[in-house]
Amino acid sequence: MSKQKIEDCYFEHNSTIFSEMLGEDEEYLRLKKAKRAAEEALQSVISKEAWNQYLALDEICNELECARYKAMYLAGAADYEKISK
């Protein structure tokens, strides 16, 4: 399986699998709700510039987490490919 094919498979299935799994998880929903409440409280006490910096940092963290999951997925796919030969 080519690297590009593995990446295509990752992007096609990964987001729906995780959103379906997490969308029904009570702990995930609780944490998501708590994060939103904390963000609303933070936004009400800091400047608009600081809030925009927080959002930029949060976006970077999300991208890093996505890259981490992608690396784990690709490593697993590579291991599977080695085993299946």
C-alpha atoms as a PDB file:
ATOM      1  CA  MET A   1       0.000   0.000   0.000  1.00  0.00           C
ATOM      2  CA  SER A   2       1.491   3.374  -0.998  1.00  0.00           C
ATOM      3  CA  LYS A   3       2.016   6.191   1.473  1.00  0.00           C
ATOM      4  CA  GLN A   4      -0.449   8.373  -0.443  1.00  0.00           C
ATOM      5  CA  LYS A   5      -3.090   5.628  -0.341  1.00  0.00           C
ATOM      6  CA  ILE A   6      -2.586   5.250   3.421  1.00  0.00           C
ATOM      7  CA  GLU A   7      -2.928   9.019   3.912  1.00  0.00           C
ATOM      8  CA  ASP A   8      -6.061   9.137   1.749  1.00  0.00           C
ATOM      9  CA  CYS A   9      -7.579   6.339   3.808  1.00  0.00           C
ATOM     10  CA  TYR A  10      -6.666   8.171   7.018  1.00  0.00           C
ATOM     11  CA  PHE A  11      -8.347  11.398   5.984  1.00  0.00           C
ATOM     12  CA  GLU A  12     -11.385   9.642   4.560  1.00  0.00           C
ATOM     13  CA  HIS A  13     -12.206   7.538   7.613  1.00  0.00           C
ATOM     14  CA  ASN A  14     -10.427   8.974  10.622  1.00  0.00           C
ATOM     15  CA  SER A  15     -12.520  12.067  11.270  1.00  0.00           C
ATOM     16  CA  THR A  16     -15.858  10.253  11.021  1.00  0.00           C
ATOM     17  CA  ILE A  17     -14.676   7.346  13.171  1.00  0.00           C
ATOM     18  CA  PHE A  18     -13.439   9.614  15.967  1.00  0.00           C
ATOM     19  CA  SER A  19     -16.450  11.929  15.838  1.00  0.00           C
ATOM     20  CA  GLU A  20     -18.837   8.975  15.950  1.00  0.00           C
ATOM     21  CA  MET A  21     -16.953   7.360  18.823  1.00  0.00           C
ATOM     22  CA  LEU A  22     -16.567  10.572  20.821  1.00  0.00           C
ATOM     23  CA  GLY A  23     -19.976  11.970  19.961  1.00  0.00           C
ATOM     24  CA  GLU A  24     -21.630   9.279  22.058  1.00  0.00           C
ATOM     25  CA  ASP A  25     -19.089   9.259  24.881  1.00  0.00           C
ATOM     26  CA  GLU A  26     -20.513  10.861  28.045  1.00  0.00           C
ATOM     27  CA  GLU A  27     -17.090  11.770  29.444  1.00  0.00           C
ATOM     28  CA  TYR A  28     -16.116  13.471  26.184  1.00  0.00           C
ATOM     29  CA  LEU A  29     -19.370  15.440  26.109  1.00  0.00           C
ATOM     30  CA  ARG A  30     -18.881  16.456  29.768  1.00  0.00           C
ATOM     31  CA  LEU A  31     -15.332  17.648  29.089  1.00  0.00           C
ATOM     32  CA  LYS A  32     -16.421  19.471  25.932  1.00  0.00           C
ATOM     33  CA  LYS A  33     -19.142  21.274  27.882  1.00  0.00           C
ATOM     34  CA  ALA A  34     -16.694  22.165  30.679  1.00  0.00           C
ATOM     35  CA  LYS A  35     -14.170  23.487  28.149  1.00  0.00           C
ATOM     36  CA  ARG A  36     -16.829  25.667  26.536  1.00  0.00           C
ATOM     37  CA  ALA A  37     -17.866  27.065  29.928  1.00  0.00           C
ATOM     38  CA  ALA A  38     -14.232  27.805  30.800  1.00  0.00           C
ATOM     39  CA  GLU A  39     -13.724  29.510  27.439  1.00  0.00           C
ATOM     40  CA  GLU A  40     -16.787  31.692  27.965  1.00  0.00           C
ATOM     41  CA  ALA A  41     -15.556  32.679  31.434  1.00  0.00           C
ATOM     42  CA  LEU A  42     -12.077  33.433  30.094  1.00  0.00           C
ATOM     43  CA  GLN A  43     -13.431  35.469  27.191  1.00  0.00           C
ATOM     44  CA  SER A  44     -15.444  37.637  29.571  1.00  0.00           C
ATOM     45  CA  VAL A  45     -12.379  38.669  31.628  1.00  0.00           C
ATOM     46  CA  ILE A  46      -9.600  39.119  29.048  1.00  0.00           C
ATOM     47  CA  SER A  47      -9.069  41.580  26.236  1.00  0.00           C
ATOM     48  CA  LYS A  48     -10.128  40.858  22.678  1.00  0.00           C
ATOM     49  CA  GLU A  49      -6.467  40.644  21.619  1.00  0.00           C
ATOM     50  CA  ALA A  50      -5.709  38.094  24.345  1.00  0.00           C
ATOM     51  CA  TRP A  51      -8.802  36.109  23.353  1.00  0.00           C
ATOM     52  CA  ASN A  52      -7.659  36.028  19.726  1.00  0.00           C
ATOM     53  CA  GLN A  53      -4.230  34.812  20.872  1.00  0.00           C
ATOM     54  CA  TYR A  54      -5.923  32.070  22.908  1.00  0.00           C
ATOM     55  CA  LEU A  55      -7.924  30.977  19.847  1.00  0.00           C
ATOM     56  CA  ALA A  56      -4.770  30.910  17.726  1.00  0.00           C
ATOM     57  CA  LEU A  57      -2.998  28.793  20.349  1.00  0.00           C
ATOM     58  CA  ASP A  58      -5.981  26.447  20.582  1.00  0.00           C
ATOM     59  CA  GLU A  59      -5.936  26.012  16.799  1.00  0.00           C
ATOM     60  CA  ILE A  60      -2.218  25.176  16.870  1.00  0.00           C
ATOM     61  CA  CYS A  61      -2.839  22.615  19.619  1.00  0.00           C
ATOM     62  CA  ASN A  62      -5.595  21.021  17.538  1.00  0.00           C
ATOM     63  CA  GLU A  63      -3.303  20.820  14.512  1.00  0.00           C
ATOM     64  CA  LEU A  64      -0.565  19.219  16.608  1.00  0.00           C
ATOM     65  CA  GLU A  65      -3.008  16.671  17.990  1.00  0.00           C
ATOM     66  CA  CYS A  66      -4.183  15.884  14.466  1.00  0.00           C
ATOM     67  CA  ALA A  67      -0.574  15.414  13.335  1.00  0.00           C
ATOM     68  CA  ARG A  68       0.046  13.099  16.308  1.00  0.00           C
ATOM     69  CA  TYR A  69      -2.951  10.930  15.423  1.00  0.00           C
ATOM     70  CA  LYS A  70      -1.919  10.877  11.777  1.00  0.00           C
ATOM     71  CA  ALA A  71       1.606   9.779  12.717  1.00  0.00           C
ATOM     72  CA  MET A  72       0.213   7.021  14.949  1.00  0.00           C
ATOM     73  CA  TYR A  73      -2.136   5.874  12.178  1.00  0.00           C
ATOM     74  CA  LEU A  74       0.610   5.871   9.550  1.00  0.00           C
ATOM     75  CA  ALA A  75       2.992   4.009  11.861  1.00  0.00           C
ATOM     76  CA  GLY A  76       0.336   1.378  12.499  1.00  0.00           C
ATOM     77  CA  ALA A  77      -0.401   1.075   8.786  1.00  0.00           C
ATOM     78  CA  ALA A  78       3.317   0.686   8.045  1.00  0.00           C
ATOM     79  CA  ASP A  79       3.623  -2.011  10.722  1.00  0.00           C
ATOM     80  CA  TYR A  80       0.587  -3.792   9.291  1.00  0.00           C
ATOM     81  CA  GLU A  81       2.112  -3.650   5.821  1.00  0.00           C
ATOM     82  CA  LYS A  82       5.374  -5.180   7.128  1.00  0.00           C
ATOM     83  CA  ILE A  83       3.500  -7.955   8.949  1.00  0.00           C
ATOM     84  CA  SER A  84       1.248  -8.785   6.005  1.00  0.00           C
ATOM     85  CA  LYS A  85       4.152  -9.334   3.593  1.00  0.00           C
END
